[in-house]
Amino acid sequence: MLAVVGAVYGRELRAFHRRPLGWLILLIAALPPLVAGSWLVALSARGGLATRASGHPVTQFLGPNVFLISTLLVLVPLLTMNLIAEERRRGAWELYATSPSSLGSVVLGKFLAAWTLLLACLAPWPLVLGLLRVWNGGFQPAALGWPLFGLPLPAGPGLVFDPGLLLGGLAGLCVVGGTLTALGTCCSAWCRHPLLAGLTTATLLGLLVAFSLLPTVLENWRIPLEQFAWMRPWAVWIHLSEFSQGSLSLGRCGQHLTVSLALLWLSRVACQHQSAGSS
């Protein structure tokens, strides 16, 4: 099983880097953190980062901010829509269906590849925070004797933050990203065309965003949130905010692991159903 998973995993990664679209996706993924990071650097250079009432700048940066949510809403459908639907459209899925390897191993290998690519696309977010940790966005005149005389020097360290916040934010990206990737894999398994799979995934992600924002709307309407406590376990963007605040809950991680495994199981069921229907 592990050999099949590793083979499929490597094949998906190589195929991604061979396509020009793959490099375009990496470029698109790098733009939002650079824009958000440049904004934070500019604020830092002007005298510090002012925090909102909702939390620390690290929490705002690695939490459910508009840049990060938009990035995930675009990346997850793009990275998952071709996993299985494209193979079926080209007729290449019959090779997997008739091979002695289990379809579950194939699905797992494809999911792990898409998850790895998603985390690679999200890597600029913590890198920008690392830059803010050592540089405050300002410059000072070059001192005499500096090898590159005439070039300005960094003015000093920037944002000081608890490493636990960064660790929690990274864990949130991994855990929530895995669940969203499993959702996209399931949509790709049940849809017969990659475009339909991408649109279905994007629609479901949009509904999750709306579902996560609903408790805030209800709070503004002064409706007791206790009546809607059942919604919180499904509000994935609220979960991302919890992780970015340094809350590494094993129960929350177990919940996402359970949902991801259930979605991968549904993906395998879809592949078996499609294979039986075509035979």
C-alpha atoms as a PDB file:
ATOM      1  CA  MET A   1       0.000   0.000   0.000  1.00  0.00           C
ATOM      2  CA  LEU A   2       2.728   2.460   0.961  1.00  0.00           C
ATOM      3  CA  ALA A   3       4.542   1.795  -2.309  1.00  0.00           C
ATOM      4  CA  VAL A   4       1.410   2.662  -4.291  1.00  0.00           C
ATOM      5  CA  VAL A   5       0.768   5.775  -2.223  1.00  0.00           C
ATOM      6  CA  GLY A   6       4.373   6.917  -2.708  1.00  0.00           C
ATOM      7  CA  ALA A   7       4.294   6.263  -6.452  1.00  0.00           C
ATOM      8  CA  VAL A   8       1.050   8.186  -6.953  1.00  0.00           C
ATOM      9  CA  TYR A   9       2.291  10.965  -4.682  1.00  0.00           C
ATOM     10  CA  GLY A  10       5.514  11.418  -6.665  1.00  0.00           C
ATOM     11  CA  ARG A  11       3.707  11.240  -9.992  1.00  0.00           C
ATOM     12  CA  GLU A  12       1.286  13.995  -8.997  1.00  0.00           C
ATOM     13  CA  LEU A  13       4.077  16.282  -7.807  1.00  0.00           C
ATOM     14  CA  ARG A  14       6.079  15.784 -11.012  1.00  0.00           C
ATOM     15  CA  ALA A  15       3.001  16.373 -13.162  1.00  0.00           C
ATOM     16  CA  PHE A  16       2.238  19.604 -11.314  1.00  0.00           C
ATOM     17  CA  HIS A  17       5.704  21.048 -11.914  1.00  0.00           C
ATOM     18  CA  ARG A  18       5.695  20.044 -15.581  1.00  0.00           C
ATOM     19  CA  ARG A  19       2.595  22.085 -16.342  1.00  0.00           C
ATOM     20  CA  PRO A  20       2.872  25.861 -16.865  1.00  0.00           C
ATOM     21  CA  LEU A  21      -0.377  26.184 -14.911  1.00  0.00           C
ATOM     22  CA  GLY A  22       1.405  24.782 -11.864  1.00  0.00           C
ATOM     23  CA  TRP A  23       3.999  27.549 -11.878  1.00  0.00           C
ATOM     24  CA  LEU A  24       1.243  30.108 -12.468  1.00  0.00           C
ATOM     25  CA  ILE A  25      -0.585  28.809  -9.390  1.00  0.00           C
ATOM     26  CA  LEU A  26       2.590  29.188  -7.320  1.00  0.00           C
ATOM     27  CA  LEU A  27       2.936  32.768  -8.558  1.00  0.00           C
ATOM     28  CA  ILE A  28      -0.690  33.577  -7.762  1.00  0.00           C
ATOM     29  CA  ALA A  29      -0.278  32.055  -4.304  1.00  0.00           C
ATOM     30  CA  ALA A  30       2.751  34.230  -3.528  1.00  0.00           C
ATOM     31  CA  LEU A  31       1.022  37.533  -4.299  1.00  0.00           C
ATOM     32  CA  PRO A  32      -1.486  37.805  -1.374  1.00  0.00           C
ATOM     33  CA  PRO A  33       1.079  37.251   1.422  1.00  0.00           C
ATOM     34  CA  LEU A  34       3.459  39.702  -0.244  1.00  0.00           C
ATOM     35  CA  VAL A  35       0.726  42.330  -0.441  1.00  0.00           C
ATOM     36  CA  ALA A  36      -0.413  41.720   3.131  1.00  0.00           C
ATOM     37  CA  GLY A  37       3.183  41.534   4.341  1.00  0.00           C
ATOM     38  CA  SER A  38       4.157  44.791   2.643  1.00  0.00           C
ATOM     39  CA  TRP A  39       1.214  46.451   4.360  1.00  0.00           C
ATOM     40  CA  LEU A  40       2.393  45.183   7.757  1.00  0.00           C
ATOM     41  CA  VAL A  41       5.981  46.257   7.008  1.00  0.00           C
ATOM     42  CA  ALA A  42       4.759  49.744   6.106  1.00  0.00           C
ATOM     43  CA  LEU A  43       2.818  49.984   9.370  1.00  0.00           C
ATOM     44  CA  SER A  44       5.828  48.744  11.300  1.00  0.00           C
ATOM     45  CA  ALA A  45       8.118  51.323   9.654  1.00  0.00           C
ATOM     46  CA  ARG A  46       5.711  54.105  10.660  1.00  0.00           C
ATOM     47  CA  GLY A  47       6.030  53.331  14.329  1.00  0.00           C
ATOM     48  CA  GLY A  48       4.618  49.959  15.121  1.00  0.00           C
ATOM     49  CA  LEU A  49       1.722  47.665  14.415  1.00  0.00           C
ATOM     50  CA  ALA A  50      -1.516  48.604  16.071  1.00  0.00           C
ATOM     51  CA  THR A  51      -3.583  45.625  17.133  1.00  0.00           C
ATOM     52  CA  ARG A  52      -7.304  45.368  16.681  1.00  0.00           C
ATOM     53  CA  ALA A  53      -9.557  44.333  19.517  1.00  0.00           C
ATOM     54  CA  SER A  54      -9.699  40.850  17.968  1.00  0.00           C
ATOM     55  CA  GLY A  55      -6.087  39.998  18.678  1.00  0.00           C
ATOM     56  CA  HIS A  56      -2.397  40.156  17.923  1.00  0.00           C
ATOM     57  CA  PRO A  57      -1.051  41.026  14.445  1.00  0.00           C
ATOM     58  CA  VAL A  58       0.183  37.432  14.059  1.00  0.00           C
ATOM     59  CA  THR A  59      -3.336  36.213  14.794  1.00  0.00           C
ATOM     60  CA  GLN A  60      -4.713  38.664  12.259  1.00  0.00           C
ATOM     61  CA  PHE A  61      -2.137  37.622   9.669  1.00  0.00           C
ATOM     62  CA  LEU A  62      -2.389  33.820  10.001  1.00  0.00           C
ATOM     63  CA  GLY A  63      -6.026  33.889  11.016  1.00  0.00           C
ATOM     64  CA  PRO A  64      -9.048  34.164   8.740  1.00  0.00           C
ATOM     65  CA  ASN A  65      -8.120  37.494   7.145  1.00  0.00           C
ATOM     66  CA  VAL A  66      -9.514  38.384   3.750  1.00  0.00           C
ATOM     67  CA  PHE A  67      -6.208  37.749   1.947  1.00  0.00           C
ATOM     68  CA  LEU A  68      -5.748  34.266   3.393  1.00  0.00           C
ATOM     69  CA  ILE A  69      -9.370  33.246   2.907  1.00  0.00           C
ATOM     70  CA  SER A  70      -9.310  34.430  -0.707  1.00  0.00           C
ATOM     71  CA  THR A  71      -6.088  32.502  -1.287  1.00  0.00           C
ATOM     72  CA  LEU A  72      -7.596  29.275   0.041  1.00  0.00           C
ATOM     73  CA  LEU A  73     -10.824  29.790  -1.915  1.00  0.00           C
ATOM     74  CA  VAL A  74      -8.783  29.975  -5.123  1.00  0.00           C
ATOM     75  CA  LEU A  75      -6.023  27.455  -4.416  1.00  0.00           C
ATOM     76  CA  VAL A  76      -8.040  24.503  -3.123  1.00  0.00           C
ATOM     77  CA  PRO A  77     -10.290  24.175  -6.218  1.00  0.00           C
ATOM     78  CA  LEU A  78      -7.344  24.693  -8.583  1.00  0.00           C
ATOM     79  CA  LEU A  79      -5.182  22.075  -6.880  1.00  0.00           C
ATOM     80  CA  THR A  80      -7.863  19.414  -6.458  1.00  0.00           C
ATOM     81  CA  MET A  81     -10.166  19.644  -9.463  1.00  0.00           C
ATOM     82  CA  ASN A  82      -7.818  17.635 -11.720  1.00  0.00           C
ATOM     83  CA  LEU A  83      -6.923  14.936  -9.196  1.00  0.00           C
ATOM     84  CA  ILE A  84      -9.472  12.350 -10.276  1.00  0.00           C
ATOM     85  CA  ALA A  85     -11.958  14.079 -12.593  1.00  0.00           C
ATOM     86  CA  GLU A  86      -9.244  14.873 -15.154  1.00  0.00           C
ATOM     87  CA  GLU A  87      -7.986  11.279 -15.075  1.00  0.00           C
ATOM     88  CA  ARG A  88     -11.512  10.048 -15.709  1.00  0.00           C
ATOM     89  CA  ARG A  89     -12.105  12.577 -18.491  1.00  0.00           C
ATOM     90  CA  ARG A  90      -8.950  11.447 -20.330  1.00  0.00           C
ATOM     91  CA  GLY A  91      -9.730   7.789 -19.752  1.00  0.00           C
ATOM     92  CA  ALA A  92      -6.545   7.288 -17.744  1.00  0.00           C
ATOM     93  CA  TRP A  93      -8.445   6.271 -14.634  1.00  0.00           C
ATOM     94  CA  GLU A  94      -9.095   2.841 -16.173  1.00  0.00           C
ATOM     95  CA  LEU A  95      -5.424   2.036 -15.563  1.00  0.00           C
ATOM     96  CA  TYR A  96      -5.942   2.516 -11.835  1.00  0.00           C
ATOM     97  CA  ALA A  97      -9.255   0.655 -11.861  1.00  0.00           C
ATOM     98  CA  THR A  98      -7.784  -2.418 -13.559  1.00  0.00           C
ATOM     99  CA  SER A  99      -4.480  -2.432 -11.641  1.00  0.00           C
ATOM    100  CA  PRO A 100      -3.980  -4.698  -8.593  1.00  0.00           C
ATOM    101  CA  SER A 101      -3.452  -1.675  -6.358  1.00  0.00           C
ATOM    102  CA  SER A 102      -6.386  -0.551  -4.229  1.00  0.00           C
ATOM    103  CA  LEU A 103      -8.264   2.573  -5.206  1.00  0.00           C
ATOM    104  CA  GLY A 104      -7.984   3.781  -1.630  1.00  0.00           C
ATOM    105  CA  SER A 105      -4.193   3.897  -1.950  1.00  0.00           C
ATOM    106  CA  VAL A 106      -4.481   5.889  -5.176  1.00  0.00           C
ATOM    107  CA  VAL A 107      -6.892   8.366  -3.605  1.00  0.00           C
ATOM    108  CA  LEU A 108      -4.642   8.749  -0.559  1.00  0.00           C
ATOM    109  CA  GLY A 109      -1.578   9.390  -2.715  1.00  0.00           C
ATOM    110  CA  LYS A 110      -3.389  12.040  -4.743  1.00  0.00           C
ATOM    111  CA  PHE A 111      -4.736  13.694  -1.603  1.00  0.00           C
ATOM    112  CA  LEU A 112      -1.286  13.841   0.027  1.00  0.00           C
ATOM    113  CA  ALA A 113       0.187  15.368  -3.126  1.00  0.00           C
ATOM    114  CA  ALA A 114      -2.494  18.074  -3.286  1.00  0.00           C
ATOM    115  CA  TRP A 115      -2.092  18.750   0.438  1.00  0.00           C
ATOM    116  CA  THR A 116       1.677  19.110   0.041  1.00  0.00           C
ATOM    117  CA  LEU A 117       1.234  21.524  -2.859  1.00  0.00           C
ATOM    118  CA  LEU A 118      -1.279  23.570  -0.872  1.00  0.00           C
ATOM    119  CA  LEU A 119       1.138  23.879   2.041  1.00  0.00           C
ATOM    120  CA  ALA A 120       3.917  24.840  -0.380  1.00  0.00           C
ATOM    121  CA  CYS A 121       1.689  27.587  -1.771  1.00  0.00           C
ATOM    122  CA  LEU A 122       0.954  28.795   1.774  1.00  0.00           C
ATOM    123  CA  ALA A 123       4.644  28.792   2.779  1.00  0.00           C
ATOM    124  CA  PRO A 124       5.125  32.540   2.011  1.00  0.00           C
ATOM    125  CA  TRP A 125       2.778  33.441   4.881  1.00  0.00           C
ATOM    126  CA  PRO A 126       5.087  32.279   7.718  1.00  0.00           C
ATOM    127  CA  LEU A 127       8.122  33.465   5.731  1.00  0.00           C
ATOM    128  CA  VAL A 128       6.734  37.004   5.702  1.00  0.00           C
ATOM    129  CA  LEU A 129       6.240  36.792   9.465  1.00  0.00           C
ATOM    130  CA  GLY A 130       9.858  35.678   9.785  1.00  0.00           C
ATOM    131  CA  LEU A 131      10.866  38.779   7.851  1.00  0.00           C
ATOM    132  CA  LEU A 132       8.830  40.962  10.197  1.00  0.00           C
ATOM    133  CA  ARG A 133      10.544  39.326  13.145  1.00  0.00           C
ATOM    134  CA  VAL A 134      14.013  40.532  12.049  1.00  0.00           C
ATOM    135  CA  TRP A 135      13.148  43.730  10.166  1.00  0.00           C
ATOM    136  CA  ASN A 136      10.854  46.591  11.111  1.00  0.00           C
ATOM    137  CA  GLY A 137      10.519  47.944   7.581  1.00  0.00           C
ATOM    138  CA  GLY A 138      12.820  50.925   8.063  1.00  0.00           C
ATOM    139  CA  PHE A 139      16.362  51.728   6.973  1.00  0.00           C
ATOM    140  CA  GLN A 140      19.272  53.603   8.489  1.00  0.00           C
ATOM    141  CA  PRO A 141      22.236  55.210   6.710  1.00  0.00           C
ATOM    142  CA  ALA A 142      25.166  52.922   5.970  1.00  0.00           C
ATOM    143  CA  ALA A 143      28.058  53.251   8.401  1.00  0.00           C
ATOM    144  CA  LEU A 144      31.615  53.899   7.376  1.00  0.00           C
ATOM    145  CA  GLY A 145      33.529  50.744   6.676  1.00  0.00           C
ATOM    146  CA  TRP A 146      30.420  48.875   5.563  1.00  0.00           C
ATOM    147  CA  PRO A 147      31.429  46.671   2.617  1.00  0.00           C
ATOM    148  CA  LEU A 148      28.537  47.949   0.525  1.00  0.00           C
ATOM    149  CA  PHE A 149      29.156  51.604   1.360  1.00  0.00           C
ATOM    150  CA  GLY A 150      26.310  53.832   0.317  1.00  0.00           C
ATOM    151  CA  LEU A 151      23.545  51.248   0.662  1.00  0.00           C
ATOM    152  CA  PRO A 152      21.083  51.668   3.539  1.00  0.00           C
ATOM    153  CA  LEU A 153      21.031  49.162   6.396  1.00  0.00           C
ATOM    154  CA  PRO A 154      17.976  47.574   8.013  1.00  0.00           C
ATOM    155  CA  ALA A 155      16.881  49.695  10.931  1.00  0.00           C
ATOM    156  CA  GLY A 156      16.526  46.774  13.300  1.00  0.00           C
ATOM    157  CA  PRO A 157      14.159  44.007  14.388  1.00  0.00           C
ATOM    158  CA  GLY A 158      10.477  44.400  13.782  1.00  0.00           C
ATOM    159  CA  LEU A 159       7.481  42.688  15.286  1.00  0.00           C
ATOM    160  CA  VAL A 160       8.108  40.778  18.522  1.00  0.00           C
ATOM    161  CA  PHE A 161       5.665  37.949  19.047  1.00  0.00           C
ATOM    162  CA  ASP A 162       5.243  34.750  20.994  1.00  0.00           C
ATOM    163  CA  PRO A 163       6.501  31.778  18.946  1.00  0.00           C
ATOM    164  CA  GLY A 164       3.447  29.888  20.157  1.00  0.00           C
ATOM    165  CA  LEU A 165       1.237  32.106  18.007  1.00  0.00           C
ATOM    166  CA  LEU A 166       3.295  31.282  14.931  1.00  0.00           C
ATOM    167  CA  LEU A 167       3.248  27.576  15.789  1.00  0.00           C
ATOM    168  CA  GLY A 168      -0.507  27.661  16.272  1.00  0.00           C
ATOM    169  CA  GLY A 169      -1.015  29.516  13.006  1.00  0.00           C
ATOM    170  CA  LEU A 170       1.122  26.984  11.132  1.00  0.00           C
ATOM    171  CA  ALA A 171      -0.778  24.110  12.735  1.00  0.00           C
ATOM    172  CA  GLY A 172      -4.050  25.752  11.720  1.00  0.00           C
ATOM    173  CA  LEU A 173      -2.937  26.074   8.111  1.00  0.00           C
ATOM    174  CA  CYS A 174      -1.921  22.403   8.057  1.00  0.00           C
ATOM    175  CA  VAL A 175      -5.034  21.050   9.766  1.00  0.00           C
ATOM    176  CA  VAL A 176      -7.643  23.229   8.073  1.00  0.00           C
ATOM    177  CA  GLY A 177      -5.786  22.966   4.751  1.00  0.00           C
ATOM    178  CA  GLY A 178      -5.898  19.175   4.997  1.00  0.00           C
ATOM    179  CA  THR A 179      -9.647  19.179   5.572  1.00  0.00           C
ATOM    180  CA  LEU A 180     -10.279  21.542   2.660  1.00  0.00           C
ATOM    181  CA  THR A 181      -8.013  19.441   0.415  1.00  0.00           C
ATOM    182  CA  ALA A 182      -9.955  16.314   1.375  1.00  0.00           C
ATOM    183  CA  LEU A 183     -13.176  18.136   0.460  1.00  0.00           C
ATOM    184  CA  GLY A 184     -11.757  19.065  -2.938  1.00  0.00           C
ATOM    185  CA  THR A 185     -10.561  15.491  -3.488  1.00  0.00           C
ATOM    186  CA  CYS A 186     -14.050  14.195  -2.729  1.00  0.00           C
ATOM    187  CA  CYS A 187     -15.603  16.652  -5.195  1.00  0.00           C
ATOM    188  CA  SER A 188     -13.103  15.622  -7.874  1.00  0.00           C
ATOM    189  CA  ALA A 189     -13.971  11.962  -7.260  1.00  0.00           C
ATOM    190  CA  TRP A 190     -17.717  12.462  -7.633  1.00  0.00           C
ATOM    191  CA  CYS A 191     -17.632  14.842 -10.613  1.00  0.00           C
ATOM    192  CA  ARG A 192     -16.957  13.711 -14.159  1.00  0.00           C
ATOM    193  CA  HIS A 193     -15.337  16.940 -15.367  1.00  0.00           C
ATOM    194  CA  PRO A 194     -12.564  18.979 -13.720  1.00  0.00           C
ATOM    195  CA  LEU A 195     -14.380  22.288 -14.225  1.00  0.00           C
ATOM    196  CA  LEU A 196     -17.486  20.940 -12.501  1.00  0.00           C
ATOM    197  CA  ALA A 197     -15.320  19.619  -9.665  1.00  0.00           C
ATOM    198  CA  GLY A 198     -13.652  23.012  -9.243  1.00  0.00           C
ATOM    199  CA  LEU A 199     -16.959  24.886  -9.249  1.00  0.00           C
ATOM    200  CA  THR A 200     -18.464  22.444  -6.749  1.00  0.00           C
ATOM    201  CA  THR A 201     -15.472  22.786  -4.437  1.00  0.00           C
ATOM    202  CA  ALA A 202     -15.523  26.595  -4.681  1.00  0.00           C
ATOM    203  CA  THR A 203     -19.267  26.645  -3.932  1.00  0.00           C
ATOM    204  CA  LEU A 204     -18.866  24.446  -0.855  1.00  0.00           C
ATOM    205  CA  LEU A 205     -15.966  26.549   0.393  1.00  0.00           C
ATOM    206  CA  GLY A 206     -18.046  29.695  -0.074  1.00  0.00           C
ATOM    207  CA  LEU A 207     -20.837  28.112   1.974  1.00  0.00           C
ATOM    208  CA  LEU A 208     -18.331  27.266   4.706  1.00  0.00           C
ATOM    209  CA  VAL A 209     -17.221  30.902   4.778  1.00  0.00           C
ATOM    210  CA  ALA A 210     -20.831  32.071   5.084  1.00  0.00           C
ATOM    211  CA  PHE A 211     -21.494  29.439   7.744  1.00  0.00           C
ATOM    212  CA  SER A 212     -18.458  30.628   9.716  1.00  0.00           C
ATOM    213  CA  LEU A 213     -19.530  34.275   9.526  1.00  0.00           C
ATOM    214  CA  LEU A 214     -23.088  33.528  10.635  1.00  0.00           C
ATOM    215  CA  PRO A 215     -22.310  33.450  14.396  1.00  0.00           C
ATOM    216  CA  THR A 216     -20.803  36.943  14.116  1.00  0.00           C
ATOM    217  CA  VAL A 217     -23.904  38.182  12.313  1.00  0.00           C
ATOM    218  CA  LEU A 218     -26.145  36.628  14.949  1.00  0.00           C
ATOM    219  CA  GLU A 219     -24.069  38.242  17.688  1.00  0.00           C
ATOM    220  CA  ASN A 220     -24.516  41.646  16.048  1.00  0.00           C
ATOM    221  CA  TRP A 221     -28.247  40.989  15.995  1.00  0.00           C
ATOM    222  CA  ARG A 222     -28.045  40.304  19.759  1.00  0.00           C
ATOM    223  CA  ILE A 223     -29.218  36.737  19.332  1.00  0.00           C
ATOM    224  CA  PRO A 224     -27.881  34.431  22.083  1.00  0.00           C
ATOM    225  CA  LEU A 225     -25.091  32.347  20.610  1.00  0.00           C
ATOM    226  CA  GLU A 226     -25.909  29.481  22.974  1.00  0.00           C
ATOM    227  CA  GLN A 227     -28.793  28.614  20.674  1.00  0.00           C
ATOM    228  CA  PHE A 228     -26.354  28.115  17.809  1.00  0.00           C
ATOM    229  CA  ALA A 229     -23.537  26.305  19.627  1.00  0.00           C
ATOM    230  CA  TRP A 230     -24.012  23.348  17.262  1.00  0.00           C
ATOM    231  CA  MET A 231     -22.682  25.498  14.417  1.00  0.00           C
ATOM    232  CA  ARG A 232     -19.233  26.099  15.904  1.00  0.00           C
ATOM    233  CA  PRO A 233     -17.768  22.615  15.181  1.00  0.00           C
ATOM    234  CA  TRP A 234     -18.425  23.207  11.459  1.00  0.00           C
ATOM    235  CA  ALA A 235     -17.176  26.796  11.219  1.00  0.00           C
ATOM    236  CA  VAL A 236     -13.720  26.017   9.821  1.00  0.00           C
ATOM    237  CA  TRP A 237     -12.686  29.661   9.536  1.00  0.00           C
ATOM    238  CA  ILE A 238     -13.380  30.129  13.237  1.00  0.00           C
ATOM    239  CA  HIS A 239     -11.165  27.088  13.817  1.00  0.00           C
ATOM    240  CA  LEU A 240      -8.395  28.802  11.872  1.00  0.00           C
ATOM    241  CA  SER A 241      -8.762  31.820  14.128  1.00  0.00           C
ATOM    242  CA  GLU A 242      -8.536  29.605  17.208  1.00  0.00           C
ATOM    243  CA  PHE A 243      -5.321  27.990  15.973  1.00  0.00           C
ATOM    244  CA  SER A 244      -3.765  31.357  15.133  1.00  0.00           C
ATOM    245  CA  GLN A 245      -4.360  32.427  18.745  1.00  0.00           C
ATOM    246  CA  GLY A 246      -2.098  29.591  19.889  1.00  0.00           C
ATOM    247  CA  SER A 247      -4.912  27.210  20.853  1.00  0.00           C
ATOM    248  CA  LEU A 248      -3.656  23.750  19.834  1.00  0.00           C
ATOM    249  CA  SER A 249      -6.684  21.682  20.781  1.00  0.00           C
ATOM    250  CA  LEU A 250      -6.316  17.930  20.317  1.00  0.00           C
ATOM    251  CA  GLY A 251     -10.086  17.661  20.142  1.00  0.00           C
ATOM    252  CA  ARG A 252     -10.225  20.144  17.271  1.00  0.00           C
ATOM    253  CA  CYS A 253      -7.399  18.342  15.461  1.00  0.00           C
ATOM    254  CA  GLY A 254      -9.202  15.024  15.968  1.00  0.00           C
ATOM    255  CA  GLN A 255     -12.393  16.505  14.567  1.00  0.00           C
ATOM    256  CA  HIS A 256     -10.642  17.639  11.391  1.00  0.00           C
ATOM    257  CA  LEU A 257      -8.857  14.293  11.072  1.00  0.00           C
ATOM    258  CA  THR A 258     -12.178  12.444  11.358  1.00  0.00           C
ATOM    259  CA  VAL A 259     -13.842  14.649   8.740  1.00  0.00           C
ATOM    260  CA  SER A 260     -10.859  14.301   6.384  1.00  0.00           C
ATOM    261  CA  LEU A 261     -10.865  10.503   6.689  1.00  0.00           C
ATOM    262  CA  ALA A 262     -14.621  10.435   6.067  1.00  0.00           C
ATOM    263  CA  LEU A 263     -14.206  12.571   2.928  1.00  0.00           C
ATOM    264  CA  LEU A 264     -11.397  10.338   1.646  1.00  0.00           C
ATOM    265  CA  TRP A 265     -13.565   7.289   2.288  1.00  0.00           C
ATOM    266  CA  LEU A 266     -16.352   8.893   0.262  1.00  0.00           C
ATOM    267  CA  SER A 267     -13.799   9.588  -2.476  1.00  0.00           C
ATOM    268  CA  ARG A 268     -12.860   5.906  -2.575  1.00  0.00           C
ATOM    269  CA  VAL A 269     -16.527   4.927  -2.688  1.00  0.00           C
ATOM    270  CA  ALA A 270     -17.049   7.294  -5.630  1.00  0.00           C
ATOM    271  CA  CYS A 271     -14.069   5.815  -7.478  1.00  0.00           C
ATOM    272  CA  GLN A 272     -15.341   2.285  -6.912  1.00  0.00           C
ATOM    273  CA  HIS A 273     -18.810   3.306  -8.083  1.00  0.00           C
ATOM    274  CA  GLN A 274     -17.457   4.956 -11.212  1.00  0.00           C
ATOM    275  CA  SER A 275     -15.217   1.979 -11.968  1.00  0.00           C
ATOM    276  CA  ALA A 276     -18.101  -0.462 -11.549  1.00  0.00           C
ATOM    277  CA  GLY A 277     -20.319   1.652 -13.781  1.00  0.00           C
ATOM    278  CA  SER A 278     -17.775   1.812 -16.588  1.00  0.00           C
ATOM    279  CA  SER A 279     -17.001  -1.925 -16.543  1.00  0.00           C
END
